[in-house]
mmCIF file of all heavy atoms, coordinates in Angstrom:
data_MODEL
# 
_entry.id   MODEL 
# 
loop_
_atom_site.group_PDB 
_atom_site.id 
_atom_site.type_symbol 
_atom_site.label_atom_id 
_atom_site.label_alt_id 
_atom_site.label_comp_id 
_atom_site.label_asym_id 
_atom_site.label_entity_id 
_atom_site.label_seq_id 
_atom_site.pdbx_PDB_ins_code 
_atom_site.Cartn_x 
_atom_site.Cartn_y 
_atom_site.Cartn_z 
_atom_site.occupancy 
_atom_site.B_iso_or_equiv 
_atom_site.pdbx_formal_charge 
_atom_site.auth_seq_id 
_atom_site.auth_comp_id 
_atom_site.auth_asym_id 
_atom_site.auth_atom_id 
_atom_site.pdbx_PDB_model_num 
ATOM 1   N N   . ASP A 1 1  ? -2.852  -3.715 1.978   1.00 0.00 ? 1  ASP A N   1 
ATOM 2   C CA  . ASP A 1 1  ? -1.459  -4.060 1.693   1.00 0.00 ? 1  ASP A CA  1 
ATOM 3   C C   . ASP A 1 1  ? -0.772  -4.365 3.017   1.00 0.00 ? 1  ASP A C   1 
ATOM 4   O O   . ASP A 1 1  ? -0.476  -3.461 3.802   1.00 0.00 ? 1  ASP A O   1 
ATOM 5   C CB  . ASP A 1 1  ? -0.782  -2.897 0.967   1.00 0.00 ? 1  ASP A CB  1 
ATOM 6   C CG  . ASP A 1 1  ? 0.645   -3.217 0.541   1.00 0.00 ? 1  ASP A CG  1 
ATOM 7   O OD1 . ASP A 1 1  ? 1.044   -4.388 0.642   1.00 0.00 ? 1  ASP A OD1 1 
ATOM 8   O OD2 . ASP A 1 1  ? 1.353   -2.286 0.105   1.00 0.00 ? 1  ASP A OD2 1 
ATOM 9   N N   . LEU A 1 2  ? -0.532  -5.646 3.270   1.00 0.00 ? 2  LEU A N   1 
ATOM 10  C CA  . LEU A 1 2  ? 0.040   -6.097 4.533   1.00 0.00 ? 2  LEU A CA  1 
ATOM 11  C C   . LEU A 1 2  ? 1.564   -6.186 4.429   1.00 0.00 ? 2  LEU A C   1 
ATOM 12  O O   . LEU A 1 2  ? 2.090   -6.681 3.445   1.00 0.00 ? 2  LEU A O   1 
ATOM 13  C CB  . LEU A 1 2  ? -0.546  -7.457 4.908   1.00 0.00 ? 2  LEU A CB  1 
ATOM 14  C CG  . LEU A 1 2  ? -2.081  -7.511 4.987   1.00 0.00 ? 2  LEU A CG  1 
ATOM 15  C CD1 . LEU A 1 2  ? -2.556  -8.928 5.289   1.00 0.00 ? 2  LEU A CD1 1 
ATOM 16  C CD2 . LEU A 1 2  ? -2.600  -6.534 6.035   1.00 0.00 ? 2  LEU A CD2 1 
ATOM 17  N N   . PHE A 1 3  ? 2.248   -5.708 5.473   1.00 0.00 ? 3  PHE A N   1 
ATOM 18  C CA  . PHE A 1 3  ? 3.707   -5.550 5.461   1.00 0.00 ? 3  PHE A CA  1 
ATOM 19  C C   . PHE A 1 3  ? 4.076   -4.577 4.336   1.00 0.00 ? 3  PHE A C   1 
ATOM 20  O O   . PHE A 1 3  ? 4.921   -4.851 3.490   1.00 0.00 ? 3  PHE A O   1 
ATOM 21  C CB  . PHE A 1 3  ? 4.416   -6.894 5.261   1.00 0.00 ? 3  PHE A CB  1 
ATOM 22  C CG  . PHE A 1 3  ? 4.082   -7.933 6.296   1.00 0.00 ? 3  PHE A CG  1 
ATOM 23  C CD1 . PHE A 1 3  ? 3.118   -8.889 6.040   1.00 0.00 ? 3  PHE A CD1 1 
ATOM 24  C CD2 . PHE A 1 3  ? 4.738   -7.961 7.526   1.00 0.00 ? 3  PHE A CD2 1 
ATOM 25  C CE1 . PHE A 1 3  ? 2.800   -9.863 6.982   1.00 0.00 ? 3  PHE A CE1 1 
ATOM 26  C CE2 . PHE A 1 3  ? 4.441   -8.934 8.475   1.00 0.00 ? 3  PHE A CE2 1 
ATOM 27  C CZ  . PHE A 1 3  ? 3.465   -9.884 8.204   1.00 0.00 ? 3  PHE A CZ  1 
ATOM 28  N N   . SER A 1 4  ? 3.467   -3.415 4.366   1.00 0.00 ? 4  SER A N   1 
ATOM 29  C CA  . SER A 1 4  ? 3.532   -2.479 3.235   1.00 0.00 ? 4  SER A CA  1 
ATOM 30  C C   . SER A 1 4  ? 4.859   -1.769 3.088   1.00 0.00 ? 4  SER A C   1 
ATOM 31  O O   . SER A 1 4  ? 5.158   -1.230 2.020   1.00 0.00 ? 4  SER A O   1 
ATOM 32  C CB  . SER A 1 4  ? 2.431   -1.430 3.380   1.00 0.00 ? 4  SER A CB  1 
ATOM 33  O OG  . SER A 1 4  ? 2.692   -0.593 4.496   1.00 0.00 ? 4  SER A OG  1 
ATOM 34  N N   . GLY A 1 5  ? 5.660   -1.710 4.157   1.00 0.00 ? 5  GLY A N   1 
ATOM 35  C CA  . GLY A 1 5  ? 6.878   -0.918 4.086   1.00 0.00 ? 5  GLY A CA  1 
ATOM 36  C C   . GLY A 1 5  ? 6.548   0.537  3.820   1.00 0.00 ? 5  GLY A C   1 
ATOM 37  O O   . GLY A 1 5  ? 5.575   1.084  4.328   1.00 0.00 ? 5  GLY A O   1 
ATOM 38  N N   . SER A 1 6  ? 7.342   1.170  2.960   1.00 0.00 ? 6  SER A N   1 
ATOM 39  C CA  . SER A 1 6  ? 7.149   2.585  2.656   1.00 0.00 ? 6  SER A CA  1 
ATOM 40  C C   . SER A 1 6  ? 6.240   2.814  1.456   1.00 0.00 ? 6  SER A C   1 
ATOM 41  O O   . SER A 1 6  ? 6.124   3.945  0.980   1.00 0.00 ? 6  SER A O   1 
ATOM 42  C CB  . SER A 1 6  ? 8.508   3.260  2.410   1.00 0.00 ? 6  SER A CB  1 
ATOM 43  O OG  . SER A 1 6  ? 9.283   3.263  3.590   1.00 0.00 ? 6  SER A OG  1 
ATOM 44  N N   . GLY A 1 7  ? 5.631   1.740  0.936   1.00 0.00 ? 7  GLY A N   1 
ATOM 45  C CA  . GLY A 1 7  ? 4.636   1.930  -0.114  1.00 0.00 ? 7  GLY A CA  1 
ATOM 46  C C   . GLY A 1 7  ? 4.987   1.371  -1.475  1.00 0.00 ? 7  GLY A C   1 
ATOM 47  O O   . GLY A 1 7  ? 4.417   1.790  -2.484  1.00 0.00 ? 7  GLY A O   1 
ATOM 48  N N   . THR A 1 8  ? 5.920   0.408  -1.523  1.00 0.00 ? 8  THR A N   1 
ATOM 49  C CA  . THR A 1 8  ? 6.330   -0.180 -2.803  1.00 0.00 ? 8  THR A CA  1 
ATOM 50  C C   . THR A 1 8  ? 5.132   -0.594 -3.646  1.00 0.00 ? 8  THR A C   1 
ATOM 51  O O   . THR A 1 8  ? 5.083   -0.312 -4.847  1.00 0.00 ? 8  THR A O   1 
ATOM 52  C CB  . THR A 1 8  ? 7.233   -1.401 -2.559  1.00 0.00 ? 8  THR A CB  1 
ATOM 53  O OG1 . THR A 1 8  ? 8.411   -0.984 -1.856  1.00 0.00 ? 8  THR A OG1 1 
ATOM 54  C CG2 . THR A 1 8  ? 7.630   -2.057 -3.871  1.00 0.00 ? 8  THR A CG2 1 
ATOM 55  N N   . PHE A 1 9  ? 4.166   -1.269 -3.030  1.00 0.00 ? 9  PHE A N   1 
ATOM 56  C CA  . PHE A 1 9  ? 2.959   -1.686 -3.746  1.00 0.00 ? 9  PHE A CA  1 
ATOM 57  C C   . PHE A 1 9  ? 1.774   -0.751 -3.452  1.00 0.00 ? 9  PHE A C   1 
ATOM 58  O O   . PHE A 1 9  ? 0.929   -0.523 -4.309  1.00 0.00 ? 9  PHE A O   1 
ATOM 59  C CB  . PHE A 1 9  ? 2.582   -3.121 -3.375  1.00 0.00 ? 9  PHE A CB  1 
ATOM 60  C CG  . PHE A 1 9  ? 3.657   -4.126 -3.674  1.00 0.00 ? 9  PHE A CG  1 
ATOM 61  C CD1 . PHE A 1 9  ? 3.991   -5.108 -2.758  1.00 0.00 ? 9  PHE A CD1 1 
ATOM 62  C CD2 . PHE A 1 9  ? 4.353   -4.092 -4.874  1.00 0.00 ? 9  PHE A CD2 1 
ATOM 63  C CE1 . PHE A 1 9  ? 4.981   -6.034 -3.037  1.00 0.00 ? 9  PHE A CE1 1 
ATOM 64  C CE2 . PHE A 1 9  ? 5.345   -5.011 -5.164  1.00 0.00 ? 9  PHE A CE2 1 
ATOM 65  C CZ  . PHE A 1 9  ? 5.664   -5.981 -4.238  1.00 0.00 ? 9  PHE A CZ  1 
ATOM 66  N N   . THR A 1 10 ? 1.724   -0.213 -2.243  1.00 0.00 ? 10 THR A N   1 
ATOM 67  C CA  . THR A 1 10 ? 0.594   0.625  -1.840  1.00 0.00 ? 10 THR A CA  1 
ATOM 68  C C   . THR A 1 10 ? 0.354   1.763  -2.824  1.00 0.00 ? 10 THR A C   1 
ATOM 69  O O   . THR A 1 10 ? -0.778  1.989  -3.283  1.00 0.00 ? 10 THR A O   1 
ATOM 70  C CB  . THR A 1 10 ? 0.830   1.224  -0.440  1.00 0.00 ? 10 THR A CB  1 
ATOM 71  O OG1 . THR A 1 10 ? 0.986   0.172  0.509   1.00 0.00 ? 10 THR A OG1 1 
ATOM 72  C CG2 . THR A 1 10 ? -0.327  2.111  -0.028  1.00 0.00 ? 10 THR A CG2 1 
ATOM 73  N N   . LEU A 1 11 ? 1.406   2.478  -3.143  1.00 0.00 ? 11 LEU A N   1 
ATOM 74  C CA  . LEU A 1 11 ? 1.230   3.695  -3.939  1.00 0.00 ? 11 LEU A CA  1 
ATOM 75  C C   . LEU A 1 11 ? 0.931   3.399  -5.410  1.00 0.00 ? 11 LEU A C   1 
ATOM 76  O O   . LEU A 1 11 ? 0.052   4.051  -5.991  1.00 0.00 ? 11 LEU A O   1 
ATOM 77  C CB  . LEU A 1 11 ? 2.437   4.605  -3.752  1.00 0.00 ? 11 LEU A CB  1 
ATOM 78  C CG  . LEU A 1 11 ? 2.490   5.138  -2.305  1.00 0.00 ? 11 LEU A CG  1 
ATOM 79  C CD1 . LEU A 1 11 ? 3.856   5.682  -1.953  1.00 0.00 ? 11 LEU A CD1 1 
ATOM 80  C CD2 . LEU A 1 11 ? 1.410   6.184  -2.068  1.00 0.00 ? 11 LEU A CD2 1 
ATOM 81  N N   . PRO A 1 12 ? 1.558   2.430  -6.040  1.00 0.00 ? 12 PRO A N   1 
ATOM 82  C CA  . PRO A 1 12 ? 1.084   2.044  -7.381  1.00 0.00 ? 12 PRO A CA  1 
ATOM 83  C C   . PRO A 1 12 ? -0.356  1.532  -7.361  1.00 0.00 ? 12 PRO A C   1 
ATOM 84  O O   . PRO A 1 12 ? -1.139  1.817  -8.275  1.00 0.00 ? 12 PRO A O   1 
ATOM 85  C CB  . PRO A 1 12 ? 2.068   0.949  -7.798  1.00 0.00 ? 12 PRO A CB  1 
ATOM 86  C CG  . PRO A 1 12 ? 3.319   1.265  -7.056  1.00 0.00 ? 12 PRO A CG  1 
ATOM 87  C CD  . PRO A 1 12 ? 2.846   1.778  -5.727  1.00 0.00 ? 12 PRO A CD  1 
ATOM 88  N N   . LEU A 1 13 ? -0.732  0.782  -6.313  1.00 0.00 ? 13 LEU A N   1 
ATOM 89  C CA  . LEU A 1 13 ? -2.110  0.306  -6.189  1.00 0.00 ? 13 LEU A CA  1 
ATOM 90  C C   . LEU A 1 13 ? -3.095  1.458  -6.083  1.00 0.00 ? 13 LEU A C   1 
ATOM 91  O O   . LEU A 1 13 ? -4.232  1.378  -6.568  1.00 0.00 ? 13 LEU A O   1 
ATOM 92  C CB  . LEU A 1 13 ? -2.238  -0.592 -4.949  1.00 0.00 ? 13 LEU A CB  1 
ATOM 93  C CG  . LEU A 1 13 ? -1.713  -2.019 -5.065  1.00 0.00 ? 13 LEU A CG  1 
ATOM 94  C CD1 . LEU A 1 13 ? -1.584  -2.649 -3.686  1.00 0.00 ? 13 LEU A CD1 1 
ATOM 95  C CD2 . LEU A 1 13 ? -2.617  -2.869 -5.947  1.00 0.00 ? 13 LEU A CD2 1 
ATOM 96  N N   . ALA A 1 14 ? -2.662  2.549  -5.462  1.00 0.00 ? 14 ALA A N   1 
ATOM 97  C CA  . ALA A 1 14 ? -3.550  3.693  -5.245  1.00 0.00 ? 14 ALA A CA  1 
ATOM 98  C C   . ALA A 1 14 ? -3.940  4.397  -6.538  1.00 0.00 ? 14 ALA A C   1 
ATOM 99  O O   . ALA A 1 14 ? -4.821  5.245  -6.527  1.00 0.00 ? 14 ALA A O   1 
ATOM 100 C CB  . ALA A 1 14 ? -2.899  4.678  -4.278  1.00 0.00 ? 14 ALA A CB  1 
ATOM 101 N N   . SER A 1 15 ? -3.298  4.045  -7.641  1.00 0.00 ? 15 SER A N   1 
ATOM 102 C CA  . SER A 1 15 ? -3.747  4.561  -8.937  1.00 0.00 ? 15 SER A CA  1 
ATOM 103 C C   . SER A 1 15 ? -5.015  3.861  -9.404  1.00 0.00 ? 15 SER A C   1 
ATOM 104 O O   . SER A 1 15 ? -5.673  4.325  -10.340 1.00 0.00 ? 15 SER A O   1 
ATOM 105 C CB  . SER A 1 15 ? -2.646  4.376  -9.987  1.00 0.00 ? 15 SER A CB  1 
ATOM 106 O OG  . SER A 1 15 ? -1.555  5.231  -9.732  1.00 0.00 ? 15 SER A OG  1 
ATOM 107 N N   . HIS A 1 16 ? -5.371  2.751  -8.742  1.00 0.00 ? 16 HIS A N   1 
ATOM 108 C CA  . HIS A 1 16 ? -6.487  1.929  -9.192  1.00 0.00 ? 16 HIS A CA  1 
ATOM 109 C C   . HIS A 1 16 ? -7.571  1.715  -8.135  1.00 0.00 ? 16 HIS A C   1 
ATOM 110 O O   . HIS A 1 16 ? -8.702  1.394  -8.473  1.00 0.00 ? 16 HIS A O   1 
ATOM 111 C CB  . HIS A 1 16 ? -5.971  0.553  -9.633  1.00 0.00 ? 16 HIS A CB  1 
ATOM 112 C CG  . HIS A 1 16 ? -4.883  0.622  -10.661 1.00 0.00 ? 16 HIS A CG  1 
ATOM 113 N ND1 . HIS A 1 16 ? -5.132  0.679  -12.004 1.00 0.00 ? 16 HIS A ND1 1 
ATOM 114 C CD2 . HIS A 1 16 ? -3.529  0.651  -10.516 1.00 0.00 ? 16 HIS A CD2 1 
ATOM 115 C CE1 . HIS A 1 16 ? -3.976  0.737  -12.664 1.00 0.00 ? 16 HIS A CE1 1 
ATOM 116 N NE2 . HIS A 1 16 ? -2.992  0.722  -11.790 1.00 0.00 ? 16 HIS A NE2 1 
ATOM 117 N N   . ALA A 1 17 ? -7.226  1.855  -6.850  1.00 0.00 ? 17 ALA A N   1 
ATOM 118 C CA  . ALA A 1 17 ? -8.179  1.527  -5.790  1.00 0.00 ? 17 ALA A CA  1 
ATOM 119 C C   . ALA A 1 17 ? -7.822  2.251  -4.507  1.00 0.00 ? 17 ALA A C   1 
ATOM 120 O O   . ALA A 1 17 ? -6.707  2.773  -4.360  1.00 0.00 ? 17 ALA A O   1 
ATOM 121 C CB  . ALA A 1 17 ? -8.186  0.012  -5.550  1.00 0.00 ? 17 ALA A CB  1 
ATOM 122 N N   . ASP A 1 18 ? -8.757  2.276  -3.563  1.00 0.00 ? 18 ASP A N   1 
ATOM 123 C CA  . ASP A 1 18 ? -8.443  2.735  -2.205  1.00 0.00 ? 18 ASP A CA  1 
ATOM 124 C C   . ASP A 1 18 ? -7.575  1.663  -1.549  1.00 0.00 ? 18 ASP A C   1 
ATOM 125 O O   . ASP A 1 18 ? -7.821  0.462  -1.712  1.00 0.00 ? 18 ASP A O   1 
ATOM 126 C CB  . ASP A 1 18 ? -9.715  2.915  -1.391  1.00 0.00 ? 18 ASP A CB  1 
ATOM 127 C CG  . ASP A 1 18 ? -10.567 4.083  -1.862  1.00 0.00 ? 18 ASP A CG  1 
ATOM 128 O OD1 . ASP A 1 18 ? -10.073 4.883  -2.690  1.00 0.00 ? 18 ASP A OD1 1 
ATOM 129 O OD2 . ASP A 1 18 ? -11.729 4.184  -1.420  1.00 0.00 ? 18 ASP A OD2 1 
ATOM 130 N N   . VAL A 1 19 ? -6.570  2.093  -0.790  1.00 0.00 ? 19 VAL A N   1 
ATOM 131 C CA  . VAL A 1 19 ? -5.628  1.142  -0.192  1.00 0.00 ? 19 VAL A CA  1 
ATOM 132 C C   . VAL A 1 19 ? -5.444  1.445  1.288   1.00 0.00 ? 19 VAL A C   1 
ATOM 133 O O   . VAL A 1 19 ? -5.315  2.607  1.687   1.00 0.00 ? 19 VAL A O   1 
ATOM 134 C CB  . VAL A 1 19 ? -4.253  1.184  -0.893  1.00 0.00 ? 19 VAL A CB  1 
ATOM 135 C CG1 . VAL A 1 19 ? -3.368  0.039  -0.397  1.00 0.00 ? 19 VAL A CG1 1 
ATOM 136 C CG2 . VAL A 1 19 ? -4.396  1.109  -2.408  1.00 0.00 ? 19 VAL A CG2 1 
ATOM 137 N N   . HIS A 1 20 ? -5.414  0.379  2.093   1.00 0.00 ? 20 HIS A N   1 
ATOM 138 C CA  . HIS A 1 20 ? -5.081  0.484  3.512   1.00 0.00 ? 20 HIS A CA  1 
ATOM 139 C C   . HIS A 1 20 ? -3.745  -0.220 3.724   1.00 0.00 ? 20 HIS A C   1 
ATOM 140 O O   . HIS A 1 20 ? -3.629  -1.423 3.481   1.00 0.00 ? 20 HIS A O   1 
ATOM 141 C CB  . HIS A 1 20 ? -6.167  -0.157 4.372   1.00 0.00 ? 20 HIS A CB  1 
ATOM 142 C CG  . HIS A 1 20 ? -5.933  -0.018 5.845   1.00 0.00 ? 20 HIS A CG  1 
ATOM 143 N ND1 . HIS A 1 20 ? -5.806  1.207  6.465   1.00 0.00 ? 20 HIS A ND1 1 
ATOM 144 C CD2 . HIS A 1 20 ? -5.784  -0.958 6.829   1.00 0.00 ? 20 HIS A CD2 1 
ATOM 145 C CE1 . HIS A 1 20 ? -5.617  1.024  7.771   1.00 0.00 ? 20 HIS A CE1 1 
ATOM 146 N NE2 . HIS A 1 20 ? -5.591  -0.279 8.008   1.00 0.00 ? 20 HIS A NE2 1 
ATOM 147 N N   . ALA A 1 21 ? -2.736  0.530  4.139   1.00 0.00 ? 21 ALA A N   1 
ATOM 148 C CA  . ALA A 1 21 ? -1.386  -0.005 4.322   1.00 0.00 ? 21 ALA A CA  1 
ATOM 149 C C   . ALA A 1 21 ? -1.153  -0.335 5.795   1.00 0.00 ? 21 ALA A C   1 
ATOM 150 O O   . ALA A 1 21 ? -1.429  0.488  6.667   1.00 0.00 ? 21 ALA A O   1 
ATOM 151 C CB  . ALA A 1 21 ? -0.355  1.004  3.842   1.00 0.00 ? 21 ALA A CB  1 
ATOM 152 N N   . VAL A 1 22 ? -0.622  -1.528 6.045   1.00 0.00 ? 22 VAL A N   1 
ATOM 153 C CA  . VAL A 1 22 ? -0.347  -1.971 7.415   1.00 0.00 ? 22 VAL A CA  1 
ATOM 154 C C   . VAL A 1 22 ? 1.126   -2.358 7.516   1.00 0.00 ? 22 VAL A C   1 
ATOM 155 O O   . VAL A 1 22 ? 1.627   -3.163 6.720   1.00 0.00 ? 22 VAL A O   1 
ATOM 156 C CB  . VAL A 1 22 ? -1.236  -3.165 7.809   1.00 0.00 ? 22 VAL A CB  1 
ATOM 157 C CG1 . VAL A 1 22 ? -1.029  -3.499 9.288   1.00 0.00 ? 22 VAL A CG1 1 
ATOM 158 C CG2 . VAL A 1 22 ? -2.701  -2.856 7.529   1.00 0.00 ? 22 VAL A CG2 1 
ATOM 159 N N   . GLU A 1 23 ? 1.812   -1.783 8.501   1.00 0.00 ? 23 GLU A N   1 
ATOM 160 C CA  . GLU A 1 23 ? 3.255   -1.968 8.652   1.00 0.00 ? 23 GLU A CA  1 
ATOM 161 C C   . GLU A 1 23 ? 3.624   -1.736 10.114  1.00 0.00 ? 23 GLU A C   1 
ATOM 162 O O   . GLU A 1 23 ? 2.990   -0.924 10.794  1.00 0.00 ? 23 GLU A O   1 
ATOM 163 C CB  . GLU A 1 23 ? 3.994   -0.979 7.732   1.00 0.00 ? 23 GLU A CB  1 
ATOM 164 C CG  . GLU A 1 23 ? 5.462   -0.775 7.994   1.00 0.00 ? 23 GLU A CG  1 
ATOM 165 C CD  . GLU A 1 23 ? 6.282   -2.037 7.812   1.00 0.00 ? 23 GLU A CD  1 
ATOM 166 O OE1 . GLU A 1 23 ? 6.051   -2.778 6.821   1.00 0.00 ? 23 GLU A OE1 1 
ATOM 167 O OE2 . GLU A 1 23 ? 7.146   -2.300 8.673   1.00 0.00 ? 23 GLU A OE2 1 
ATOM 168 N N   . ALA A 1 24 ? 4.635   -2.454 10.600  1.00 0.00 ? 24 ALA A N   1 
ATOM 169 C CA  . ALA A 1 24 ? 5.026   -2.340 12.007  1.00 0.00 ? 24 ALA A CA  1 
ATOM 170 C C   . ALA A 1 24 ? 5.884   -1.112 12.291  1.00 0.00 ? 24 ALA A C   1 
ATOM 171 O O   . ALA A 1 24 ? 5.922   -0.628 13.419  1.00 0.00 ? 24 ALA A O   1 
ATOM 172 C CB  . ALA A 1 24 ? 5.770   -3.599 12.449  1.00 0.00 ? 24 ALA A CB  1 
# 
């Protein structure tokens, strides 16, 4: 998840897959 912020998509995605979040 690129430009992930605080996890808007990362955390819902984590219900389905392993996720690597990248944010500045």
